[in-house]
Amino acid sequence: MRTREISRSEWPEFFDSFSRRHEGWLVTLEVFGTEIGAQVEERELAFEGIVAEWDEVKGDEIAIMIGAKPDDHITHNISRPTQVSLEQTNEGADVALAIKSADGVTALMRFRSALLPEMVDGVVTQPSRSSL
């Protein structure tokens, strides 16, 4: 396993590419922090996307959207993010994405299976927007 830190200047482009590459993949979202311990927020829901929003007044935020159906869709917001890192297998398959915030909480989004995107090309079906 290897971990790669994504520089802040790369976040918008990285999140766009990451979202397109992994849309529909099953993920588990966990949060860790000294005050809250370790908690599973959501388990085995379809990844929809991730975006960074810059706001000098309210503060920066990263939003992770998971759940393809209206009844299981959630957006998990990370306020004041300080670090984004990608965990990969030695072959380069994405395993997890970790986002640390200024308050010491880390959000960890893990894929159910660590596969290279080309291994699932055509296997993961994209939800049609009309079915949502």
N, C-alpha and C. Protein backbone atom coordinates (compact mmCIF):
# COMPACT_ATOMS: atom_id res chain seq x y z
N MET A 1 0.84 -1.18 0.00
CA MET A 1 0.00 0.00 0.00
C MET A 1 0.88 1.24 0.00
N ARG A 2 0.35 2.28 -0.61
CA ARG A 2 1.06 3.55 -0.62
C ARG A 2 0.02 4.67 -0.46
N THR A 3 0.47 5.76 0.13
CA THR A 3 -0.41 6.91 0.34
C THR A 3 0.19 8.12 -0.34
N ARG A 4 -0.65 8.84 -1.07
CA ARG A 4 -0.21 10.03 -1.80
C ARG A 4 -1.02 11.23 -1.32
N GLU A 5 -0.32 12.25 -0.85
CA GLU A 5 -1.02 13.47 -0.45
C GLU A 5 -1.30 14.31 -1.69
N ILE A 6 -2.52 14.83 -1.77
CA ILE A 6 -2.93 15.66 -2.89
C ILE A 6 -2.79 17.12 -2.46
N SER A 7 -1.99 17.88 -3.19
CA SER A 7 -1.78 19.28 -2.80
C SER A 7 -3.07 20.08 -3.00
N ARG A 8 -3.26 21.07 -2.16
CA ARG A 8 -4.48 21.88 -2.17
C ARG A 8 -4.78 22.46 -3.55
N SER A 9 -3.76 22.88 -4.27
CA SER A 9 -3.97 23.46 -5.60
C SER A 9 -4.52 22.44 -6.59
N GLU A 10 -4.34 21.16 -6.33
CA GLU A 10 -4.82 20.10 -7.21
C GLU A 10 -6.24 19.63 -6.87
N TRP A 11 -6.78 20.02 -5.72
CA TRP A 11 -8.04 19.46 -5.26
C TRP A 11 -9.18 19.54 -6.29
N PRO A 12 -9.49 20.70 -6.88
CA PRO A 12 -10.63 20.74 -7.81
C PRO A 12 -10.49 19.76 -8.98
N GLU A 13 -9.34 19.77 -9.63
CA GLU A 13 -9.12 18.87 -10.77
C GLU A 13 -9.09 17.41 -10.32
N PHE A 14 -8.44 17.14 -9.19
CA PHE A 14 -8.36 15.77 -8.67
C PHE A 14 -9.76 15.25 -8.34
N PHE A 15 -10.58 16.05 -7.63
CA PHE A 15 -11.92 15.60 -7.25
C PHE A 15 -12.79 15.35 -8.47
N ASP A 16 -12.67 16.19 -9.50
CA ASP A 16 -13.45 16.00 -10.72
C ASP A 16 -13.08 14.68 -11.38
N SER A 17 -11.79 14.43 -11.56
CA SER A 17 -11.32 13.19 -12.18
C SER A 17 -11.68 11.98 -11.32
N PHE A 18 -11.46 12.08 -10.01
CA PHE A 18 -11.76 11.00 -9.08
C PHE A 18 -13.26 10.65 -9.13
N SER A 19 -14.11 11.67 -9.16
CA SER A 19 -15.56 11.46 -9.20
C SER A 19 -15.98 10.75 -10.48
N ARG A 20 -15.46 11.18 -11.62
CA ARG A 20 -15.80 10.54 -12.89
C ARG A 20 -15.33 9.09 -12.93
N ARG A 21 -14.14 8.84 -12.39
CA ARG A 21 -13.55 7.50 -12.40
C ARG A 21 -14.30 6.52 -11.52
N HIS A 22 -14.88 7.00 -10.41
CA HIS A 22 -15.45 6.09 -9.41
C HIS A 22 -16.95 6.24 -9.20
N GLU A 23 -17.64 7.01 -10.03
CA GLU A 23 -19.08 7.18 -9.85
C GLU A 23 -19.78 5.82 -9.87
N GLY A 24 -20.62 5.59 -8.87
CA GLY A 24 -21.37 4.34 -8.79
C GLY A 24 -20.69 3.25 -7.97
N TRP A 25 -19.42 3.42 -7.63
CA TRP A 25 -18.71 2.41 -6.84
C TRP A 25 -19.24 2.42 -5.40
N LEU A 26 -19.30 1.27 -4.77
CA LEU A 26 -19.77 1.17 -3.39
C LEU A 26 -18.69 1.62 -2.42
N VAL A 27 -19.10 2.48 -1.47
CA VAL A 27 -18.16 3.03 -0.49
C VAL A 27 -18.75 2.95 0.92
N THR A 28 -17.85 2.97 1.89
CA THR A 28 -18.20 3.12 3.30
C THR A 28 -17.53 4.40 3.76
N LEU A 29 -18.29 5.24 4.48
CA LEU A 29 -17.77 6.51 4.96
C LEU A 29 -17.66 6.46 6.48
N GLU A 30 -16.44 6.70 6.98
CA GLU A 30 -16.18 6.70 8.41
C GLU A 30 -15.59 8.05 8.81
N VAL A 31 -15.78 8.41 10.08
CA VAL A 31 -15.14 9.61 10.62
C VAL A 31 -14.40 9.24 11.89
N PHE A 32 -13.24 9.88 12.09
CA PHE A 32 -12.39 9.62 13.25
C PHE A 32 -12.00 10.95 13.88
N GLY A 33 -11.97 10.98 15.20
CA GLY A 33 -11.51 12.17 15.90
C GLY A 33 -11.33 11.87 17.37
N THR A 34 -10.49 12.64 18.04
CA THR A 34 -10.23 12.39 19.46
C THR A 34 -11.48 12.57 20.30
N GLU A 35 -12.33 13.52 19.95
CA GLU A 35 -13.54 13.76 20.74
C GLU A 35 -14.69 12.84 20.37
N ILE A 36 -14.72 12.37 19.13
CA ILE A 36 -15.86 11.55 18.68
C ILE A 36 -15.52 10.08 18.53
N GLY A 37 -14.25 9.73 18.58
CA GLY A 37 -13.84 8.35 18.37
C GLY A 37 -13.96 7.98 16.91
N ALA A 38 -14.24 6.71 16.63
CA ALA A 38 -14.41 6.22 15.26
C ALA A 38 -15.88 5.87 15.05
N GLN A 39 -16.46 6.39 13.98
CA GLN A 39 -17.87 6.15 13.70
C GLN A 39 -18.06 5.86 12.22
N VAL A 40 -18.90 4.87 11.93
CA VAL A 40 -19.29 4.60 10.55
C VAL A 40 -20.50 5.48 10.26
N GLU A 41 -20.36 6.38 9.29
CA GLU A 41 -21.46 7.27 8.92
C GLU A 41 -22.42 6.57 7.96
N GLU A 42 -21.87 5.96 6.93
CA GLU A 42 -22.67 5.25 5.92
C GLU A 42 -21.89 4.03 5.46
N ARG A 43 -22.62 2.98 5.11
CA ARG A 43 -21.98 1.74 4.71
C ARG A 43 -22.53 1.26 3.36
N GLU A 44 -21.59 0.98 2.44
CA GLU A 44 -21.91 0.35 1.16
C GLU A 44 -22.99 1.07 0.35
N LEU A 45 -22.77 2.37 0.16
CA LEU A 45 -23.64 3.16 -0.71
C LEU A 45 -22.85 3.57 -1.95
N ALA A 46 -23.57 3.87 -3.03
CA ALA A 46 -22.92 4.25 -4.28
C ALA A 46 -22.32 5.65 -4.17
N PHE A 47 -21.07 5.77 -4.58
CA PHE A 47 -20.37 7.05 -4.59
C PHE A 47 -20.91 7.87 -5.75
N GLU A 48 -21.28 9.12 -5.46
CA GLU A 48 -21.82 10.01 -6.49
C GLU A 48 -20.83 11.09 -6.92
N GLY A 49 -20.02 11.57 -5.98
CA GLY A 49 -19.05 12.60 -6.35
C GLY A 49 -18.51 13.34 -5.15
N ILE A 50 -17.49 14.15 -5.41
CA ILE A 50 -16.85 14.94 -4.36
C ILE A 50 -16.43 16.27 -4.98
N VAL A 51 -16.67 17.36 -4.24
CA VAL A 51 -16.31 18.69 -4.73
C VAL A 51 -15.70 19.52 -3.60
N ALA A 52 -14.85 20.44 -3.99
CA ALA A 52 -14.28 21.41 -3.04
C ALA A 52 -14.93 22.76 -3.32
N GLU A 53 -15.32 23.43 -2.25
CA GLU A 53 -15.94 24.75 -2.38
C GLU A 53 -15.11 25.74 -1.58
N TRP A 54 -14.69 26.82 -2.25
CA TRP A 54 -13.87 27.84 -1.59
C TRP A 54 -14.74 29.02 -1.23
N ASP A 55 -14.72 29.41 0.03
CA ASP A 55 -15.51 30.55 0.49
C ASP A 55 -14.74 31.26 1.60
N GLU A 56 -14.29 32.48 1.30
CA GLU A 56 -13.49 33.23 2.28
C GLU A 56 -14.30 33.64 3.50
N VAL A 57 -15.62 33.78 3.35
CA VAL A 57 -16.47 34.21 4.45
C VAL A 57 -16.85 33.03 5.34
N LYS A 58 -17.45 31.99 4.75
CA LYS A 58 -17.90 30.83 5.52
C LYS A 58 -16.79 29.83 5.79
N GLY A 59 -15.73 29.89 5.01
CA GLY A 59 -14.65 28.92 5.14
C GLY A 59 -14.75 27.86 4.05
N ASP A 60 -13.63 27.23 3.76
CA ASP A 60 -13.58 26.21 2.72
C ASP A 60 -14.30 24.96 3.19
N GLU A 61 -14.78 24.18 2.20
CA GLU A 61 -15.53 22.97 2.52
C GLU A 61 -15.35 21.96 1.40
N ILE A 62 -15.35 20.69 1.77
CA ILE A 62 -15.37 19.60 0.80
C ILE A 62 -16.65 18.83 1.05
N ALA A 63 -17.37 18.53 -0.02
CA ALA A 63 -18.63 17.79 0.08
C ALA A 63 -18.49 16.45 -0.62
N ILE A 64 -18.82 15.37 0.10
CA ILE A 64 -18.84 14.02 -0.46
C ILE A 64 -20.29 13.60 -0.60
N MET A 65 -20.71 13.26 -1.83
CA MET A 65 -22.09 12.83 -2.07
C MET A 65 -22.10 11.32 -2.32
N ILE A 66 -22.92 10.62 -1.54
CA ILE A 66 -23.07 9.18 -1.73
C ILE A 66 -24.55 8.81 -1.66
N GLY A 67 -24.88 7.66 -2.26
CA GLY A 67 -26.25 7.18 -2.28
C GLY A 67 -26.93 7.62 -3.57
N ALA A 68 -27.28 6.66 -4.43
CA ALA A 68 -27.83 6.97 -5.74
C ALA A 68 -29.34 7.19 -5.72
N LYS A 69 -30.01 6.73 -4.67
CA LYS A 69 -31.47 6.85 -4.60
C LYS A 69 -31.83 7.99 -3.65
N PRO A 70 -32.97 8.64 -3.89
CA PRO A 70 -33.36 9.76 -3.02
C PRO A 70 -33.45 9.38 -1.54
N ASP A 71 -33.87 8.16 -1.23
CA ASP A 71 -34.04 7.78 0.18
C ASP A 71 -32.73 7.41 0.87
N ASP A 72 -31.64 7.24 0.13
CA ASP A 72 -30.37 6.94 0.79
C ASP A 72 -29.26 7.95 0.43
N HIS A 73 -29.63 9.02 -0.27
CA HIS A 73 -28.63 10.02 -0.67
C HIS A 73 -28.24 10.90 0.52
N ILE A 74 -26.93 11.06 0.73
CA ILE A 74 -26.45 11.98 1.75
C ILE A 74 -25.29 12.79 1.19
N THR A 75 -25.12 13.96 1.75
CA THR A 75 -23.94 14.78 1.47
C THR A 75 -23.23 14.98 2.79
N HIS A 76 -21.98 14.55 2.84
CA HIS A 76 -21.17 14.71 4.05
C HIS A 76 -20.22 15.88 3.80
N ASN A 77 -20.33 16.92 4.61
CA ASN A 77 -19.50 18.12 4.46
C ASN A 77 -18.34 18.11 5.44
N ILE A 78 -17.17 18.44 4.93
CA ILE A 78 -15.97 18.57 5.76
C ILE A 78 -15.58 20.05 5.74
N SER A 79 -15.75 20.71 6.88
CA SER A 79 -15.43 22.14 6.98
C SER A 79 -13.95 22.33 7.26
N ARG A 80 -13.40 23.37 6.67
CA ARG A 80 -12.00 23.76 6.86
C ARG A 80 -11.03 22.59 6.64
N PRO A 81 -11.09 21.95 5.46
CA PRO A 81 -10.18 20.83 5.18
C PRO A 81 -8.73 21.30 5.14
N THR A 82 -7.85 20.45 5.66
CA THR A 82 -6.43 20.80 5.69
C THR A 82 -5.56 19.83 4.89
N GLN A 83 -6.05 18.60 4.70
CA GLN A 83 -5.23 17.60 4.01
C GLN A 83 -6.13 16.58 3.31
N VAL A 84 -5.74 16.22 2.10
CA VAL A 84 -6.42 15.17 1.34
C VAL A 84 -5.36 14.16 0.94
N SER A 85 -5.60 12.88 1.23
CA SER A 85 -4.64 11.85 0.83
C SER A 85 -5.37 10.66 0.25
N LEU A 86 -4.73 10.04 -0.72
CA LEU A 86 -5.28 8.90 -1.44
C LEU A 86 -4.45 7.67 -1.13
N GLU A 87 -5.12 6.63 -0.65
CA GLU A 87 -4.44 5.36 -0.39
C GLU A 87 -4.66 4.46 -1.60
N GLN A 88 -3.58 3.86 -2.09
CA GLN A 88 -3.63 3.00 -3.27
C GLN A 88 -2.90 1.69 -3.01
N THR A 89 -3.28 0.67 -3.78
CA THR A 89 -2.53 -0.58 -3.74
C THR A 89 -1.20 -0.34 -4.46
N ASN A 90 -0.29 -1.28 -4.36
CA ASN A 90 0.99 -1.16 -5.07
C ASN A 90 0.81 -1.15 -6.58
N GLU A 91 -0.32 -1.68 -7.05
CA GLU A 91 -0.62 -1.69 -8.49
C GLU A 91 -1.25 -0.38 -8.95
N GLY A 92 -1.62 0.49 -8.00
CA GLY A 92 -2.19 1.78 -8.36
C GLY A 92 -3.70 1.88 -8.23
N ALA A 93 -4.36 0.84 -7.73
CA ALA A 93 -5.81 0.89 -7.54
C ALA A 93 -6.15 1.70 -6.29
N ASP A 94 -7.15 2.56 -6.40
CA ASP A 94 -7.56 3.38 -5.27
C ASP A 94 -8.26 2.53 -4.22
N VAL A 95 -7.86 2.70 -2.96
CA VAL A 95 -8.42 1.96 -1.83
C VAL A 95 -9.30 2.88 -0.99
N ALA A 96 -8.80 4.07 -0.67
CA ALA A 96 -9.52 4.98 0.22
C ALA A 96 -9.06 6.41 0.00
N LEU A 97 -9.94 7.33 0.38
CA LEU A 97 -9.63 8.75 0.34
C LEU A 97 -9.83 9.30 1.74
N ALA A 98 -8.81 9.95 2.29
CA ALA A 98 -8.88 10.52 3.64
C ALA A 98 -8.82 12.03 3.55
N ILE A 99 -9.71 12.69 4.31
CA ILE A 99 -9.75 14.15 4.33
C ILE A 99 -9.70 14.59 5.79
N LYS A 100 -8.66 15.35 6.13
CA LYS A 100 -8.51 15.86 7.49
C LYS A 100 -9.00 17.30 7.54
N SER A 101 -9.61 17.65 8.67
CA SER A 101 -10.10 19.02 8.84
C SER A 101 -9.32 19.71 9.96
N ALA A 102 -9.47 21.02 10.03
CA ALA A 102 -8.75 21.82 11.02
C ALA A 102 -9.13 21.45 12.45
N ASP A 103 -10.32 20.88 12.66
CA ASP A 103 -10.74 20.51 14.01
C ASP A 103 -10.25 19.12 14.44
N GLY A 104 -9.40 18.50 13.61
CA GLY A 104 -8.81 17.22 13.98
C GLY A 104 -9.61 16.00 13.58
N VAL A 105 -10.74 16.19 12.90
CA VAL A 105 -11.56 15.06 12.46
C VAL A 105 -11.11 14.64 11.07
N THR A 106 -11.04 13.32 10.86
CA THR A 106 -10.71 12.77 9.55
C THR A 106 -11.90 12.00 9.01
N ALA A 107 -12.28 12.31 7.77
CA ALA A 107 -13.31 11.54 7.07
C ALA A 107 -12.57 10.56 6.16
N LEU A 108 -12.95 9.28 6.25
CA LEU A 108 -12.30 8.24 5.45
C LEU A 108 -13.37 7.55 4.61
N MET A 109 -13.22 7.66 3.28
CA MET A 109 -14.13 6.99 2.36
C MET A 109 -13.38 5.81 1.75
N ARG A 110 -13.85 4.59 2.08
CA ARG A 110 -13.20 3.37 1.59
C ARG A 110 -14.06 2.71 0.53
N PHE A 111 -13.41 2.23 -0.52
CA PHE A 111 -14.12 1.47 -1.55
C PHE A 111 -14.33 0.04 -1.08
N ARG A 112 -15.45 -0.54 -1.47
CA ARG A 112 -15.71 -1.94 -1.13
C ARG A 112 -14.63 -2.83 -1.73
N SER A 113 -14.23 -2.55 -2.97
CA SER A 113 -13.20 -3.32 -3.66
C SER A 113 -12.17 -2.38 -4.25
N ALA A 114 -10.91 -2.72 -4.09
CA ALA A 114 -9.82 -1.93 -4.67
C ALA A 114 -9.46 -2.52 -6.02
N LEU A 115 -9.99 -1.89 -7.07
CA LEU A 115 -9.73 -2.35 -8.43
C LEU A 115 -9.29 -1.17 -9.28
N LEU A 116 -8.51 -1.46 -10.30
CA LEU A 116 -8.18 -0.42 -11.26
C LEU A 116 -9.45 -0.11 -12.04
N PRO A 117 -9.73 1.17 -12.33
CA PRO A 117 -10.97 1.53 -13.04
C PRO A 117 -11.18 0.76 -14.34
N GLU A 118 -10.10 0.48 -15.07
CA GLU A 118 -10.27 -0.26 -16.33
C GLU A 118 -10.74 -1.70 -16.11
N MET A 119 -10.57 -2.22 -14.89
CA MET A 119 -11.03 -3.58 -14.58
C MET A 119 -12.55 -3.66 -14.47
N VAL A 120 -13.20 -2.53 -14.19
CA VAL A 120 -14.66 -2.53 -14.04
C VAL A 120 -15.34 -1.75 -15.15
N ASP A 121 -14.61 -1.37 -16.17
CA ASP A 121 -15.19 -0.64 -17.28
C ASP A 121 -16.35 -1.43 -17.86
N GLY A 122 -17.53 -0.84 -17.83
CA GLY A 122 -18.71 -1.51 -18.35
C GLY A 122 -19.43 -2.36 -17.33
N VAL A 123 -18.82 -2.62 -16.18
CA VAL A 123 -19.44 -3.45 -15.14
C VAL A 123 -20.31 -2.60 -14.23
N VAL A 124 -19.80 -1.45 -13.82
CA VAL A 124 -20.56 -0.56 -12.94
C VAL A 124 -21.53 0.21 -13.80
N THR A 125 -22.80 0.07 -13.50
CA THR A 125 -23.81 0.78 -14.29
C THR A 125 -24.03 2.15 -13.70
N GLN A 126 -24.14 3.12 -14.57
CA GLN A 126 -24.40 4.49 -14.13
C GLN A 126 -25.90 4.66 -13.96
N PRO A 127 -26.33 5.21 -12.83
CA PRO A 127 -27.76 5.42 -12.63
C PRO A 127 -28.25 6.49 -13.60
N SER A 128 -29.41 6.24 -14.18
CA SER A 128 -29.96 7.26 -15.06
C SER A 128 -30.58 8.34 -14.19
N ARG A 129 -30.39 9.57 -14.57
CA ARG A 129 -30.88 10.70 -13.78
C ARG A 129 -32.41 10.67 -13.68
N SER A 130 -33.09 10.07 -14.66
CA SER A 130 -34.55 10.01 -14.61
C SER A 130 -35.05 9.03 -13.56
N SER A 131 -34.20 8.07 -13.14
CA SER A 131 -34.62 7.10 -12.13
C SER A 131 -34.42 7.61 -10.72
N LEU A 132 -33.78 8.78 -10.59
CA LEU A 132 -33.53 9.33 -9.25
C LEU A 132 -34.69 10.05 -8.70
